[in-house]
Amino acid sequence: MTGKFDFDSWQAKLVALEIANEVGRAILKSLSQEPKTATQMSKSLTIPLPTILFHLSRLEEAGIVVYKKSLGKRLREVKVYSVSSNDIVFSIGGEKHGQE
């Protein structure tokens, strides 16, 4: 599955902001290796949890990060995040170009 975005959409702008941000890129790279909770990412990346949660919410809103609820160590429900696709594509010129 490919995360495809129209160049002028708000989702594309949000994805571009996250890709341009060091924390956003670190989160995407981490999640592309294996699904993790926000706490696991915070510890492994040594980034404060509120910062991780902020970027995760933006990545989730853009549709490139998804979560699945699971039971944690203390039998509490936790969100386990993963990337929805390893490929991100920006469609710039519409569908007419390159289809002849």
C-alpha atoms as a PDB file:
ATOM      1  CA  MET A   1       0.000   0.000   0.000  1.00  0.00           C
ATOM      2  CA  THR A   2       1.297   3.456  -0.911  1.00  0.00           C
ATOM      3  CA  GLY A   3       0.532   6.678   0.902  1.00  0.00           C
ATOM      4  CA  LYS A   4      -0.382   8.830  -2.113  1.00  0.00           C
ATOM      5  CA  PHE A   5      -1.155  12.507  -1.632  1.00  0.00           C
ATOM      6  CA  ASP A   6      -2.350  15.235  -3.964  1.00  0.00           C
ATOM      7  CA  PHE A   7       0.343  17.923  -3.944  1.00  0.00           C
ATOM      8  CA  ASP A   8      -2.053  20.709  -2.901  1.00  0.00           C
ATOM      9  CA  SER A   9      -3.917  18.802  -0.188  1.00  0.00           C
ATOM     10  CA  TRP A  10      -3.665  19.614   3.500  1.00  0.00           C
ATOM     11  CA  GLN A  11      -2.505  16.020   4.124  1.00  0.00           C
ATOM     12  CA  ALA A  12       0.450  16.502   1.755  1.00  0.00           C
ATOM     13  CA  LYS A  13       1.421  19.677   3.577  1.00  0.00           C
ATOM     14  CA  LEU A  14       1.232  17.920   6.932  1.00  0.00           C
ATOM     15  CA  VAL A  15       3.310  14.979   5.654  1.00  0.00           C
ATOM     16  CA  ALA A  16       5.884  17.382   4.192  1.00  0.00           C
ATOM     17  CA  LEU A  17       6.161  19.196   7.536  1.00  0.00           C
ATOM     18  CA  GLU A  18       6.752  15.919   9.345  1.00  0.00           C
ATOM     19  CA  ILE A  19       9.300  14.687   6.800  1.00  0.00           C
ATOM     20  CA  ALA A  20      11.145  18.004   7.108  1.00  0.00           C
ATOM     21  CA  ASN A  21      11.202  17.641  10.896  1.00  0.00           C
ATOM     22  CA  GLU A  22      13.953  15.580  12.527  1.00  0.00           C
ATOM     23  CA  VAL A  23      11.579  14.072  15.106  1.00  0.00           C
ATOM     24  CA  GLY A  24       8.958  13.211  12.481  1.00  0.00           C
ATOM     25  CA  ARG A  25      11.577  11.439  10.378  1.00  0.00           C
ATOM     26  CA  ALA A  26      12.940   9.569  13.416  1.00  0.00           C
ATOM     27  CA  ILE A  27       9.446   8.348  14.300  1.00  0.00           C
ATOM     28  CA  LEU A  28       8.752   7.191  10.739  1.00  0.00           C
ATOM     29  CA  LYS A  29      12.087   5.384  10.551  1.00  0.00           C
ATOM     30  CA  SER A  30      11.503   3.715  13.911  1.00  0.00           C
ATOM     31  CA  LEU A  31       7.985   2.600  12.989  1.00  0.00           C
ATOM     32  CA  SER A  32       9.097   1.309   9.590  1.00  0.00           C
ATOM     33  CA  GLN A  33      11.291  -1.211  11.445  1.00  0.00           C
ATOM     34  CA  GLU A  34       8.576  -2.465  13.812  1.00  0.00           C
ATOM     35  CA  PRO A  35       5.344  -1.312  15.491  1.00  0.00           C
ATOM     36  CA  LYS A  36       5.830   0.430  18.844  1.00  0.00           C
ATOM     37  CA  THR A  37       3.955   2.272  21.554  1.00  0.00           C
ATOM     38  CA  ALA A  38       4.578   5.978  22.086  1.00  0.00           C
ATOM     39  CA  THR A  39       6.420   5.171  25.332  1.00  0.00           C
ATOM     40  CA  GLN A  40       8.698   2.695  23.569  1.00  0.00           C
ATOM     41  CA  MET A  41       9.544   5.311  20.925  1.00  0.00           C
ATOM     42  CA  SER A  42      10.137   7.960  23.567  1.00  0.00           C
ATOM     43  CA  LYS A  43      12.623   5.730  25.369  1.00  0.00           C
ATOM     44  CA  SER A  44      14.419   4.400  22.287  1.00  0.00           C
ATOM     45  CA  LEU A  45      14.698   7.806  20.594  1.00  0.00           C
ATOM     46  CA  THR A  46      15.340   9.670  23.889  1.00  0.00           C
ATOM     47  CA  ILE A  47      12.680  12.220  23.004  1.00  0.00           C
ATOM     48  CA  PRO A  48      10.113  13.438  25.570  1.00  0.00           C
ATOM     49  CA  LEU A  49       6.779  11.599  25.407  1.00  0.00           C
ATOM     50  CA  PRO A  50       4.687  14.771  24.795  1.00  0.00           C
ATOM     51  CA  THR A  51       6.851  15.536  21.745  1.00  0.00           C
ATOM     52  CA  ILE A  52       6.400  11.992  20.416  1.00  0.00           C
ATOM     53  CA  LEU A  53       2.632  12.205  20.960  1.00  0.00           C
ATOM     54  CA  PHE A  54       2.431  15.547  19.141  1.00  0.00           C
ATOM     55  CA  HIS A  55       4.184  14.191  16.059  1.00  0.00           C
ATOM     56  CA  LEU A  56       2.276  10.899  16.164  1.00  0.00           C
ATOM     57  CA  SER A  57      -1.028  12.782  16.148  1.00  0.00           C
ATOM     58  CA  ARG A  58       0.050  14.772  13.088  1.00  0.00           C
ATOM     59  CA  LEU A  59       1.295  11.650  11.288  1.00  0.00           C
ATOM     60  CA  GLU A  60      -1.919   9.851  12.176  1.00  0.00           C
ATOM     61  CA  GLU A  61      -4.055  12.771  10.993  1.00  0.00           C
ATOM     62  CA  ALA A  62      -2.202  12.736   7.666  1.00  0.00           C
ATOM     63  CA  GLY A  63      -2.913   9.021   7.337  1.00  0.00           C
ATOM     64  CA  ILE A  64       0.630   7.640   7.245  1.00  0.00           C
ATOM     65  CA  VAL A  65       0.650   6.282  10.794  1.00  0.00           C
ATOM     66  CA  VAL A  66      -2.071   4.041  12.192  1.00  0.00           C
ATOM     67  CA  TYR A  67      -2.539   2.386  15.543  1.00  0.00           C
ATOM     68  CA  LYS A  68      -4.029  -0.775  16.901  1.00  0.00           C
ATOM     69  CA  LYS A  69      -5.189  -1.132  20.498  1.00  0.00           C
ATOM     70  CA  SER A  70      -3.519  -3.869  22.503  1.00  0.00           C
ATOM     71  CA  LEU A  71      -3.094  -4.875  26.133  1.00  0.00           C
ATOM     72  CA  GLY A  72       0.078  -3.563  27.766  1.00  0.00           C
ATOM     73  CA  LYS A  73       2.193  -4.977  30.592  1.00  0.00           C
ATOM     74  CA  ARG A  74      -0.246  -3.877  33.289  1.00  0.00           C
ATOM     75  CA  LEU A  75      -3.231  -5.151  31.312  1.00  0.00           C
ATOM     76  CA  ARG A  76      -4.122  -1.628  30.303  1.00  0.00           C
ATOM     77  CA  GLU A  77      -5.161  -0.817  26.774  1.00  0.00           C
ATOM     78  CA  VAL A  78      -2.294   0.821  24.838  1.00  0.00           C
ATOM     79  CA  LYS A  79      -1.933   2.071  21.281  1.00  0.00           C
ATOM     80  CA  VAL A  80       0.645   0.286  19.162  1.00  0.00           C
ATOM     81  CA  TYR A  81       1.632   2.496  16.217  1.00  0.00           C
ATOM     82  CA  SER A  82       2.826   1.428  12.782  1.00  0.00           C
ATOM     83  CA  VAL A  83       3.260   3.024   9.379  1.00  0.00           C
ATOM     84  CA  SER A  84       0.374   2.506   6.977  1.00  0.00           C
ATOM     85  CA  SER A  85       2.831   2.351   4.074  1.00  0.00           C
ATOM     86  CA  ASN A  86       6.578   2.373   3.543  1.00  0.00           C
ATOM     87  CA  ASP A  87       6.090   4.502   0.423  1.00  0.00           C
ATOM     88  CA  ILE A  88       4.964   8.120   0.344  1.00  0.00           C
ATOM     89  CA  VAL A  89       4.070   9.582  -3.065  1.00  0.00           C
ATOM     90  CA  PHE A  90       3.142  13.177  -3.876  1.00  0.00           C
ATOM     91  CA  SER A  91       1.051  13.584  -7.026  1.00  0.00           C
ATOM     92  CA  ILE A  92       2.064  16.967  -8.470  1.00  0.00           C
ATOM     93  CA  GLY A  93       0.623  17.267 -11.953  1.00  0.00           C
ATOM     94  CA  GLY A  94      -2.537  15.226 -11.916  1.00  0.00           C
ATOM     95  CA  GLU A  95      -3.260  12.040 -13.817  1.00  0.00           C
ATOM     96  CA  LYS A  96      -2.830  13.347 -17.401  1.00  0.00           C
ATOM     97  CA  HIS A  97       0.973  13.445 -17.377  1.00  0.00           C
ATOM     98  CA  GLY A  98       2.852  10.257 -18.162  1.00  0.00           C
ATOM     99  CA  GLN A  99      -0.152   8.204 -19.268  1.00  0.00           C
ATOM    100  CA  GLU A 100       0.214   8.377 -23.021  1.00  0.00           C
END
